[in-house]
C-alpha atoms as a PDB file:
ATOM      1  CA  MET A   1     -19.110  34.518 -11.675  1.00  0.00           C
ATOM      2  CA  LEU A   2     -21.381  32.311 -14.117  1.00  0.00           C
ATOM      3  CA  GLU A   3     -19.736  33.462 -17.141  1.00  0.00           C
ATOM      4  CA  SER A   4     -16.418  33.115 -16.155  1.00  0.00           C
ATOM      5  CA  ILE A   5     -17.455  29.404 -15.119  1.00  0.00           C
ATOM      6  CA  THR A   6     -19.115  28.620 -18.459  1.00  0.00           C
ATOM      7  CA  PRO A   7     -16.399  28.618 -20.834  1.00  0.00           C
ATOM      8  CA  LEU A   8     -14.128  26.508 -18.624  1.00  0.00           C
ATOM      9  CA  LEU A   9     -17.037  23.537 -18.893  1.00  0.00           C
ATOM     10  CA  SER A  10     -15.640  22.915 -22.208  1.00  0.00           C
ATOM     11  CA  ASP A  11     -12.236  23.114 -21.819  1.00  0.00           C
ATOM     12  CA  PRO A  12     -10.244  19.885 -21.108  1.00  0.00           C
ATOM     13  CA  ALA A  13      -7.451  21.549 -19.615  1.00  0.00           C
ATOM     14  CA  ALA A  14      -9.497  23.094 -16.667  1.00  0.00           C
ATOM     15  CA  TRP A  15     -10.941  19.814 -16.220  1.00  0.00           C
ATOM     16  CA  ALA A  16      -7.232  18.172 -15.718  1.00  0.00           C
ATOM     17  CA  ALA A  17      -6.468  20.976 -13.484  1.00  0.00           C
ATOM     18  CA  LEU A  18      -9.796  20.323 -11.302  1.00  0.00           C
ATOM     19  CA  VAL A  19      -9.077  16.668 -10.933  1.00  0.00           C
ATOM     20  CA  THR A  20      -5.515  17.538 -10.179  1.00  0.00           C
ATOM     21  CA  LEU A  21      -6.282  20.016  -7.740  1.00  0.00           C
ATOM     22  CA  VAL A  22      -9.105  17.580  -5.953  1.00  0.00           C
ATOM     23  CA  VAL A  23      -6.583  15.122  -5.673  1.00  0.00           C
ATOM     24  CA  MET A  24      -3.985  17.507  -4.056  1.00  0.00           C
ATOM     25  CA  GLU A  25      -6.572  19.118  -2.085  1.00  0.00           C
ATOM     26  CA  VAL A  26      -7.382  15.790  -0.552  1.00  0.00           C
ATOM     27  CA  VAL A  27      -4.127  14.880   0.146  1.00  0.00           C
ATOM     28  CA  LEU A  28      -3.025  18.103   1.607  1.00  0.00           C
ATOM     29  CA  GLY A  29      -6.147  17.715   3.995  1.00  0.00           C
ATOM     30  CA  ILE A  30      -4.802  14.345   5.518  1.00  0.00           C
ATOM     31  CA  ASP A  31      -3.067  16.501   7.652  1.00  0.00           C
ATOM     32  CA  ASN A  32      -5.647  18.799   8.846  1.00  0.00           C
ATOM     33  CA  LEU A  33      -8.061  15.876   9.375  1.00  0.00           C
ATOM     34  CA  ILE A  34      -5.731  13.768  11.647  1.00  0.00           C
ATOM     35  CA  PHE A  35      -5.437  16.803  13.808  1.00  0.00           C
ATOM     36  CA  ILE A  36      -9.479  16.954  13.864  1.00  0.00           C
ATOM     37  CA  SER A  37      -9.732  13.693  14.569  1.00  0.00           C
ATOM     38  CA  ILE A  38      -7.447  13.556  17.488  1.00  0.00           C
ATOM     39  CA  LEU A  39      -8.159  16.917  19.088  1.00  0.00           C
ATOM     40  CA  SER A  40     -12.161  15.597  18.765  1.00  0.00           C
ATOM     41  CA  ASN A  41     -11.703  12.261  20.105  1.00  0.00           C
ATOM     42  CA  LYS A  42     -10.344  14.059  23.449  1.00  0.00           C
ATOM     43  CA  LEU A  43     -13.879  15.537  23.978  1.00  0.00           C
ATOM     44  CA  PRO A  44     -16.742  13.798  25.498  1.00  0.00           C
ATOM     45  CA  PRO A  45     -18.555  11.401  23.058  1.00  0.00           C
ATOM     46  CA  GLU A  46     -22.046  13.537  22.526  1.00  0.00           C
ATOM     47  CA  HIS A  47     -19.370  16.511  21.286  1.00  0.00           C
ATOM     48  CA  ARG A  48     -17.186  14.581  19.074  1.00  0.00           C
ATOM     49  CA  GLN A  49     -19.032  14.354  15.725  1.00  0.00           C
ATOM     50  CA  ARG A  50     -20.386  18.100  15.972  1.00  0.00           C
ATOM     51  CA  THR A  51     -16.994  19.426  16.943  1.00  0.00           C
ATOM     52  CA  ARG A  52     -15.320  17.577  13.807  1.00  0.00           C
ATOM     53  CA  ARG A  53     -18.603  19.082  11.660  1.00  0.00           C
ATOM     54  CA  ILE A  54     -17.878  22.664  12.664  1.00  0.00           C
ATOM     55  CA  GLY A  55     -14.007  22.619  12.350  1.00  0.00           C
ATOM     56  CA  ILE A  56     -14.461  21.071   8.697  1.00  0.00           C
ATOM     57  CA  GLY A  57     -16.948  23.581   8.007  1.00  0.00           C
ATOM     58  CA  LEU A  58     -14.921  26.406   9.211  1.00  0.00           C
ATOM     59  CA  ALA A  59     -12.048  24.795   7.265  1.00  0.00           C
ATOM     60  CA  LEU A  60     -14.369  25.178   4.076  1.00  0.00           C
ATOM     61  CA  VAL A  61     -15.235  28.837   5.044  1.00  0.00           C
ATOM     62  CA  MET A  62     -11.568  30.056   5.734  1.00  0.00           C
ATOM     63  CA  ARG A  63     -10.319  28.434   2.453  1.00  0.00           C
ATOM     64  CA  LEU A  64     -13.130  29.921   0.054  1.00  0.00           C
ATOM     65  CA  ALA A  65     -12.612  33.204   2.214  1.00  0.00           C
ATOM     66  CA  LEU A  66      -8.921  33.174   1.142  1.00  0.00           C
ATOM     67  CA  LEU A  67      -9.627  32.198  -2.369  1.00  0.00           C
ATOM     68  CA  ALA A  68     -11.816  35.362  -2.718  1.00  0.00           C
ATOM     69  CA  ALA A  69      -8.652  37.400  -1.366  1.00  0.00           C
ATOM     70  CA  ILE A  70      -6.330  35.627  -3.522  1.00  0.00           C
ATOM     71  CA  GLY A  71      -4.469  38.926  -4.277  1.00  0.00           C
ATOM     72  CA  TRP A  72      -3.564  39.220  -0.473  1.00  0.00           C
ATOM     73  CA  ILE A  73      -2.696  35.880  -0.636  1.00  0.00           C
ATOM     74  CA  VAL A  74      -0.356  36.070  -3.234  1.00  0.00           C
ATOM     75  CA  GLY A  75       1.324  39.020  -1.354  1.00  0.00           C
ATOM     76  CA  LEU A  76       1.921  37.103   1.720  1.00  0.00           C
ATOM     77  CA  THR A  77       4.988  35.383  -0.052  1.00  0.00           C
ATOM     78  CA  ALA A  78       6.656  38.974  -0.370  1.00  0.00           C
ATOM     79  CA  PRO A  79       9.373  39.019   2.105  1.00  0.00           C
ATOM     80  CA  VAL A  80       8.860  41.250   5.467  1.00  0.00           C
ATOM     81  CA  PHE A  81      12.310  41.208   6.792  1.00  0.00           C
ATOM     82  CA  ASP A  82      15.477  39.748   5.977  1.00  0.00           C
ATOM     83  CA  LEU A  83      18.483  38.764   8.593  1.00  0.00           C
ATOM     84  CA  GLY A  84      20.911  39.074   5.984  1.00  0.00           C
ATOM     85  CA  PHE A  85      21.726  35.187   5.444  1.00  0.00           C
ATOM     86  CA  HIS A  86      21.010  33.822   1.933  1.00  0.00           C
ATOM     87  CA  GLY A  87      22.547  30.157   1.134  1.00  0.00           C
ATOM     88  CA  GLU A  88      21.389  27.549  -1.377  1.00  0.00           C
ATOM     89  CA  THR A  89      19.283  25.549   1.197  1.00  0.00           C
ATOM     90  CA  PHE A  90      18.764  28.144   3.994  1.00  0.00           C
ATOM     91  CA  ASP A  91      17.417  31.686   3.492  1.00  0.00           C
ATOM     92  CA  THR A  92      16.569  34.366   6.367  1.00  0.00           C
ATOM     93  CA  ALA A  93      14.378  36.309   4.370  1.00  0.00           C
ATOM     94  CA  PHE A  94      10.813  35.989   6.019  1.00  0.00           C
ATOM     95  CA  SER A  95       7.444  36.634   4.447  1.00  0.00           C
ATOM     96  CA  TRP A  96       3.995  36.186   6.188  1.00  0.00           C
ATOM     97  CA  ARG A  97       3.543  32.961   4.803  1.00  0.00           C
ATOM     98  CA  ASP A  98       7.067  31.612   6.342  1.00  0.00           C
ATOM     99  CA  LEU A  99       6.058  32.976   9.705  1.00  0.00           C
ATOM    100  CA  ILE A 100       2.690  31.192   9.675  1.00  0.00           C
ATOM    101  CA  LEU A 101       4.117  28.125   8.704  1.00  0.00           C
ATOM    102  CA  ILE A 102       6.898  28.219  11.410  1.00  0.00           C
ATOM    103  CA  ALA A 103       4.128  29.186  14.268  1.00  0.00           C
ATOM    104  CA  GLY A 104       1.905  26.084  12.801  1.00  0.00           C
ATOM    105  CA  GLY A 105       4.408  24.030  12.728  1.00  0.00           C
ATOM    106  CA  LEU A 106       5.685  24.752  16.204  1.00  0.00           C
ATOM    107  CA  PHE A 107       1.971  24.372  17.448  1.00  0.00           C
ATOM    108  CA  LEU A 108       1.701  21.223  15.907  1.00  0.00           C
ATOM    109  CA  VAL A 109       4.963  19.843  17.665  1.00  0.00           C
ATOM    110  CA  TRP A 110       3.851  21.159  20.757  1.00  0.00           C
ATOM    111  CA  LYS A 111       0.516  19.669  20.742  1.00  0.00           C
ATOM    112  CA  ALA A 112       1.508  16.336  19.125  1.00  0.00           C
ATOM    113  CA  THR A 113       4.874  16.354  22.323  1.00  0.00           C
ATOM    114  CA  LYS A 114       1.975  16.945  24.674  1.00  0.00           C
ATOM    115  CA  GLU A 115      -0.239  14.160  23.625  1.00  0.00           C
ATOM    116  CA  ILE A 116       2.426  11.545  23.219  1.00  0.00           C
ATOM    117  CA  HIS A 117       3.544  12.500  26.783  1.00  0.00           C
ATOM    118  CA  HIS A 118      -0.209  12.177  28.037  1.00  0.00           C
ATOM    119  CA  ALA A 119      -0.288   8.719  26.350  1.00  0.00           C
ATOM    120  CA  VAL A 120       2.659   7.424  27.940  1.00  0.00           C
ATOM    121  CA  ASP A 121       2.785   8.964  31.426  1.00  0.00           C
ATOM    122  CA  VAL A 122       1.088   6.221  33.394  1.00  0.00           C
ATOM    123  CA  THR A 123       1.510   7.661  36.933  1.00  0.00           C
ATOM    124  CA  PRO A 124      -1.480   7.865  38.863  1.00  0.00           C
ATOM    125  CA  SER A 125      -1.060  11.205  40.351  1.00  0.00           C
ATOM    126  CA  ASN A 126      -0.174  12.547  37.007  1.00  0.00           C
ATOM    127  CA  ASP A 127      -3.238  11.073  35.448  1.00  0.00           C
ATOM    128  CA  MET A 128      -5.365  12.510  37.923  1.00  0.00           C
ATOM    129  CA  LEU A 129      -3.534  16.250  37.502  1.00  0.00           C
ATOM    130  CA  GLU A 130      -3.845  16.029  33.621  1.00  0.00           C
ATOM    131  CA  LYS A 131      -7.665  14.845  33.817  1.00  0.00           C
ATOM    132  CA  ASP A 132      -8.201  18.013  35.852  1.00  0.00           C
ATOM    133  CA  LYS A 133      -6.271  20.025  33.048  1.00  0.00           C
ATOM    134  CA  LYS A 134      -8.148  18.468  30.366  1.00  0.00           C
ATOM    135  CA  ASP A 135     -11.463  19.117  32.104  1.00  0.00           C
ATOM    136  CA  VAL A 136     -10.643  22.977  31.879  1.00  0.00           C
ATOM    137  CA  VAL A 137      -8.903  22.999  28.751  1.00  0.00           C
ATOM    138  CA  ILE A 138      -9.370  20.441  26.310  1.00  0.00           C
ATOM    139  CA  ASN A 139     -13.100  18.947  27.302  1.00  0.00           C
ATOM    140  CA  ASN A 140     -14.058  22.161  26.328  1.00  0.00           C
ATOM    141  CA  VAL A 141     -15.626  22.391  22.873  1.00  0.00           C
ATOM    142  CA  GLY A 142     -14.916  26.070  22.363  1.00  0.00           C
ATOM    143  CA  SER A 143     -11.334  25.394  23.302  1.00  0.00           C
ATOM    144  CA  ALA A 144     -11.297  22.518  20.662  1.00  0.00           C
ATOM    145  CA  ILE A 145     -12.448  24.645  17.919  1.00  0.00           C
ATOM    146  CA  VAL A 146     -10.175  27.549  18.559  1.00  0.00           C
ATOM    147  CA  GLN A 147      -7.055  25.296  18.189  1.00  0.00           C
ATOM    148  CA  ILE A 148      -8.928  23.686  14.947  1.00  0.00           C
ATOM    149  CA  ILE A 149      -9.229  27.512  13.544  1.00  0.00           C
ATOM    150  CA  LEU A 150      -5.531  28.175  14.194  1.00  0.00           C
ATOM    151  CA  LEU A 151      -4.385  24.799  12.189  1.00  0.00           C
ATOM    152  CA  ASP A 152      -7.063  25.149   9.807  1.00  0.00           C
ATOM    153  CA  LEU A 153      -5.248  28.913   8.934  1.00  0.00           C
ATOM    154  CA  VAL A 154      -1.771  27.278   8.612  1.00  0.00           C
ATOM    155  CA  PHE A 155      -3.092  24.153   6.262  1.00  0.00           C
ATOM    156  CA  SER A 156      -5.380  26.888   4.176  1.00  0.00           C
ATOM    157  CA  VAL A 157      -2.847  29.161   3.637  1.00  0.00           C
ATOM    158  CA  ASP A 158      -0.136  26.384   2.440  1.00  0.00           C
ATOM    159  CA  SER A 159      -3.095  24.844   0.440  1.00  0.00           C
ATOM    160  CA  ILE A 160      -4.199  27.959  -1.301  1.00  0.00           C
ATOM    161  CA  LEU A 161      -0.936  28.955  -2.116  1.00  0.00           C
ATOM    162  CA  THR A 162       0.030  25.364  -3.545  1.00  0.00           C
ATOM    163  CA  ALA A 163      -3.376  25.828  -5.774  1.00  0.00           C
ATOM    164  CA  VAL A 164      -2.081  29.138  -7.402  1.00  0.00           C
ATOM    165  CA  GLY A 165       0.779  27.536  -8.390  1.00  0.00           C
ATOM    166  CA  MET A 166      -1.373  25.259 -10.639  1.00  0.00           C
ATOM    167  CA  THR A 167      -4.060  26.850 -12.330  1.00  0.00           C
ATOM    168  CA  ASP A 168      -5.017  30.918 -12.605  1.00  0.00           C
ATOM    169  CA  HIS A 169      -8.921  30.093 -12.556  1.00  0.00           C
ATOM    170  CA  VAL A 170      -9.930  30.937  -9.092  1.00  0.00           C
ATOM    171  CA  PRO A 171     -13.378  29.104  -9.998  1.00  0.00           C
ATOM    172  CA  ILE A 172     -11.569  25.754 -10.368  1.00  0.00           C
ATOM    173  CA  MET A 173      -9.863  26.496  -7.228  1.00  0.00           C
ATOM    174  CA  MET A 174     -13.148  27.084  -5.196  1.00  0.00           C
ATOM    175  CA  VAL A 175     -14.713  24.057  -6.779  1.00  0.00           C
ATOM    176  CA  ALA A 176     -11.886  21.894  -6.032  1.00  0.00           C
ATOM    177  CA  VAL A 177     -11.909  23.396  -2.749  1.00  0.00           C
ATOM    178  CA  VAL A 178     -15.385  22.154  -1.941  1.00  0.00           C
ATOM    179  CA  ILE A 179     -15.196  18.781  -3.222  1.00  0.00           C
ATOM    180  CA  ALA A 180     -12.071  18.283  -1.115  1.00  0.00           C
ATOM    181  CA  VAL A 181     -13.712  19.326   1.937  1.00  0.00           C
ATOM    182  CA  LEU A 182     -16.756  17.298   1.673  1.00  0.00           C
ATOM    183  CA  VAL A 183     -14.191  14.180   1.165  1.00  0.00           C
ATOM    184  CA  MET A 184     -12.922  15.243   4.148  1.00  0.00           C
ATOM    185  CA  LEU A 185     -16.681  15.722   5.848  1.00  0.00           C
ATOM    186  CA  LEU A 186     -17.547  12.240   4.299  1.00  0.00           C
ATOM    187  CA  ALA A 187     -14.164  10.544   6.058  1.00  0.00           C
ATOM    188  CA  SER A 188     -13.987  12.346   9.336  1.00  0.00           C
ATOM    189  CA  ASP A 189     -16.115  10.117  11.545  1.00  0.00           C
ATOM    190  CA  PRO A 190     -14.867   7.044  10.242  1.00  0.00           C
ATOM    191  CA  LEU A 191     -11.402   8.064  10.753  1.00  0.00           C
ATOM    192  CA  ALA A 192     -11.880   9.611  13.940  1.00  0.00           C
ATOM    193  CA  ASN A 193     -13.546   6.122  15.207  1.00  0.00           C
ATOM    194  CA  PHE A 194     -10.871   4.152  13.608  1.00  0.00           C
ATOM    195  CA  ILE A 195      -7.991   6.044  15.627  1.00  0.00           C
ATOM    196  CA  ASP A 196     -10.187   6.228  18.927  1.00  0.00           C
ATOM    197  CA  LYS A 197     -10.388   2.361  18.803  1.00  0.00           C
ATOM    198  CA  ASN A 198      -6.781   1.472  17.901  1.00  0.00           C
ATOM    199  CA  PRO A 199      -4.316   3.237  20.687  1.00  0.00           C
ATOM    200  CA  THR A 200      -1.665   2.235  18.464  1.00  0.00           C
ATOM    201  CA  VAL A 201      -2.865   3.807  15.403  1.00  0.00           C
ATOM    202  CA  VAL A 202      -3.475   6.909  17.910  1.00  0.00           C
ATOM    203  CA  MET A 203       0.598   7.111  18.520  1.00  0.00           C
ATOM    204  CA  LEU A 204       1.106   6.917  14.808  1.00  0.00           C
ATOM    205  CA  ALA A 205      -1.280   9.611  13.845  1.00  0.00           C
ATOM    206  CA  LEU A 206       0.711  11.798  16.585  1.00  0.00           C
ATOM    207  CA  GLY A 207       4.283  10.809  14.999  1.00  0.00           C
ATOM    208  CA  PHE A 208       2.630  11.786  11.813  1.00  0.00           C
ATOM    209  CA  LEU A 209       2.199  15.224  13.104  1.00  0.00           C
ATOM    210  CA  LEU A 210       5.352  15.779  14.533  1.00  0.00           C
ATOM    211  CA  MET A 211       6.838  15.066  11.158  1.00  0.00           C
ATOM    212  CA  ILE A 212       4.214  17.499   9.683  1.00  0.00           C
ATOM    213  CA  GLY A 213       5.184  20.178  12.375  1.00  0.00           C
ATOM    214  CA  ALA A 214       8.824  19.678  11.729  1.00  0.00           C
ATOM    215  CA  VAL A 215       8.255  19.925   7.812  1.00  0.00           C
ATOM    216  CA  LEU A 216       5.830  23.199   8.529  1.00  0.00           C
ATOM    217  CA  ILE A 217       8.823  24.657  10.556  1.00  0.00           C
ATOM    218  CA  ALA A 218      11.319  23.772   7.805  1.00  0.00           C
ATOM    219  CA  ASP A 219       9.277  25.145   4.966  1.00  0.00           C
ATOM    220  CA  GLY A 220       9.098  28.269   6.777  1.00  0.00           C
ATOM    221  CA  PHE A 221      13.061  28.800   6.980  1.00  0.00           C
ATOM    222  CA  GLY A 222      13.125  27.821   3.322  1.00  0.00           C
ATOM    223  CA  VAL A 223      14.070  24.565   3.377  1.00  0.00           C
ATOM    224  CA  HIS A 224      11.769  22.752   1.198  1.00  0.00           C
ATOM    225  CA  VAL A 225      11.221  19.283   1.863  1.00  0.00           C
ATOM    226  CA  PRO A 226       9.185  17.368  -1.154  1.00  0.00           C
ATOM    227  CA  LYS A 227       5.782  16.453  -0.028  1.00  0.00           C
ATOM    228  CA  GLY A 228       5.787  12.768  -1.945  1.00  0.00           C
ATOM    229  CA  TYR A 229       8.541  11.803   0.358  1.00  0.00           C
ATOM    230  CA  ILE A 230       6.493  12.969   3.544  1.00  0.00           C
ATOM    231  CA  TYR A 231       3.190  11.241   2.224  1.00  0.00           C
ATOM    232  CA  ALA A 232       5.429   8.341   1.262  1.00  0.00           C
ATOM    233  CA  ALA A 233       6.764   7.642   4.711  1.00  0.00           C
ATOM    234  CA  MET A 234       3.295   8.320   6.114  1.00  0.00           C
ATOM    235  CA  ALA A 235       1.680   5.277   3.878  1.00  0.00           C
ATOM    236  CA  PHE A 236       4.449   3.041   4.268  1.00  0.00           C
ATOM    237  CA  SER A 237       3.841   3.474   8.357  1.00  0.00           C
ATOM    238  CA  ALA A 238       0.560   3.146   8.009  1.00  0.00           C
ATOM    239  CA  LEU A 239       1.219  -0.340   5.473  1.00  0.00           C
ATOM    240  CA  VAL A 240       3.445  -1.383   8.596  1.00  0.00           C
ATOM    241  CA  GLU A 241       0.862  -0.407  11.297  1.00  0.00           C
ATOM    242  CA  GLY A 242      -1.923  -2.407   8.986  1.00  0.00           C
ATOM    243  CA  LEU A 243       0.101  -5.744   9.214  1.00  0.00           C
ATOM    244  CA  ASN A 244       0.634  -5.465  12.488  1.00  0.00           C
ATOM    245  CA  MET A 245      -3.275  -5.065  13.313  1.00  0.00           C
ATOM    246  CA  TRP A 246      -3.843  -7.803  11.144  1.00  0.00           C
ATOM    247  CA  SER A 247      -1.304 -10.017  12.656  1.00  0.00           C
ATOM    248  CA  ARG A 248      -2.574  -9.273  16.075  1.00  0.00           C
ATOM    249  CA  ASN A 249      -6.346 -10.035  14.722  1.00  0.00           C
ATOM    250  CA  ALA A 250      -5.008 -13.318  13.616  1.00  0.00           C
ATOM    251  CA  GLN A 251      -3.285 -14.234  16.931  1.00  0.00           C
ATOM    252  CA  ILE A 252      -6.465 -13.417  18.705  1.00  0.00           C
ATOM    253  CA  LYS A 253      -8.497 -15.484  16.474  1.00  0.00           C
ATOM    254  CA  LYS A 254      -6.315 -18.399  17.002  1.00  0.00           C
ATOM    255  CA  ASP A 255      -6.319 -18.211  20.713  1.00  0.00           C
ATOM    256  CA  GLN A 256      -9.736 -17.645  20.730  1.00  0.00           C
ATOM    257  CA  ALA A 257     -10.395 -20.850  18.862  1.00  0.00           C
ATOM    258  CA  LYS A 258      -7.763 -22.551  20.834  1.00  0.00           C
ATOM    259  CA  ASP A 259      -9.815 -21.653  24.154  1.00  0.00           C
ATOM    260  CA  ALA A 260     -13.092 -22.717  22.217  1.00  0.00           C
ATOM    261  CA  ALA A 261     -11.428 -26.279  21.669  1.00  0.00           C
ATOM    262  CA  GLN A 262     -10.086 -26.519  25.008  1.00  0.00           C
ATOM    263  CA  ALA A 263     -13.507 -25.512  26.858  1.00  0.00           C
ATOM    264  CA  ALA A 264     -15.341 -28.129  24.543  1.00  0.00           C
ATOM    265  CA  LEU A 265     -12.693 -31.037  25.547  1.00  0.00           C
ATOM    266  CA  ASN A 266     -12.924 -29.996  29.082  1.00  0.00           C
ATOM    267  CA  LYS A 267     -16.660 -30.253  28.870  1.00  0.00           C
ATOM    268  CA  ALA A 268     -16.505 -33.476  26.959  1.00  0.00           C
ATOM    269  CA  GLU A 269     -14.221 -34.804  29.859  1.00  0.00           C
ATOM    270  CA  THR A 270     -16.695 -33.573  32.521  1.00  0.00           C
ATOM    271  CA  ALA A 271     -19.790 -35.569  30.746  1.00  0.00           C
ATOM    272  CA  GLU A 272     -18.204 -38.576  30.190  1.00  0.00           C
ATOM    273  CA  PRO A 273     -18.120 -40.094  33.673  1.00  0.00           C
ATOM    274  CA  GLY A 274     -22.130 -39.679  33.618  1.00  0.00           C
ATOM    275  CA  VAL A 275     -22.485 -41.723  30.350  1.00  0.00           C
END
């Protein structure tokens, strides 16, 4: 292993591939990190950080294991069955990769839709029923970790296959994966806390998961949607939400200043007769 890494240290092309892969892995990891953050925030506070770290650690182990079995991963792109239709934008020759992406996309769409329903349904009786269900299903750390593992598998397969198309050097892929997962680990707590403190951001993140799920399903059916469009839309939505938060905070400060000025005026008027 060391002998295969040493020549790469003096190769500029290898360093360029490493930087490109790290950036790509970090960008692709955003989807996974958003899901982990939303899911861990449903747990009791004392379990959230541990669950996030376990989930991200499992993502690292899974990706390194898949890289070790790179030949098997590449084989996942071979067709398993064919329904006989082949078009320019739609193909019914499905591989294991396609089936994994479709299953993962359906799971993401179902999960995001369910969480959106919980967020907008304010009926008291339903709230009590859903709380009981969450106590059994979502407030269980083991259940959360199982769901994280399922999505880790989907995102890991997609990530590794994308990396294979960019370089032939497995050590470069492994280093890129380790660096990207460490970035995810550092960003997980701040991102999860930010999402937890801003309800509108939660809805935006769930909308992202819906879109990502739809893209995974489309990709599984052979309809390729350039990821640049997806992340550009996500960045634009995040920018708009950031402006909305800035505007709300500015309005809150104005209201507080107005209330403070009014309180000072009232205090002065009250004190004036005694002068």
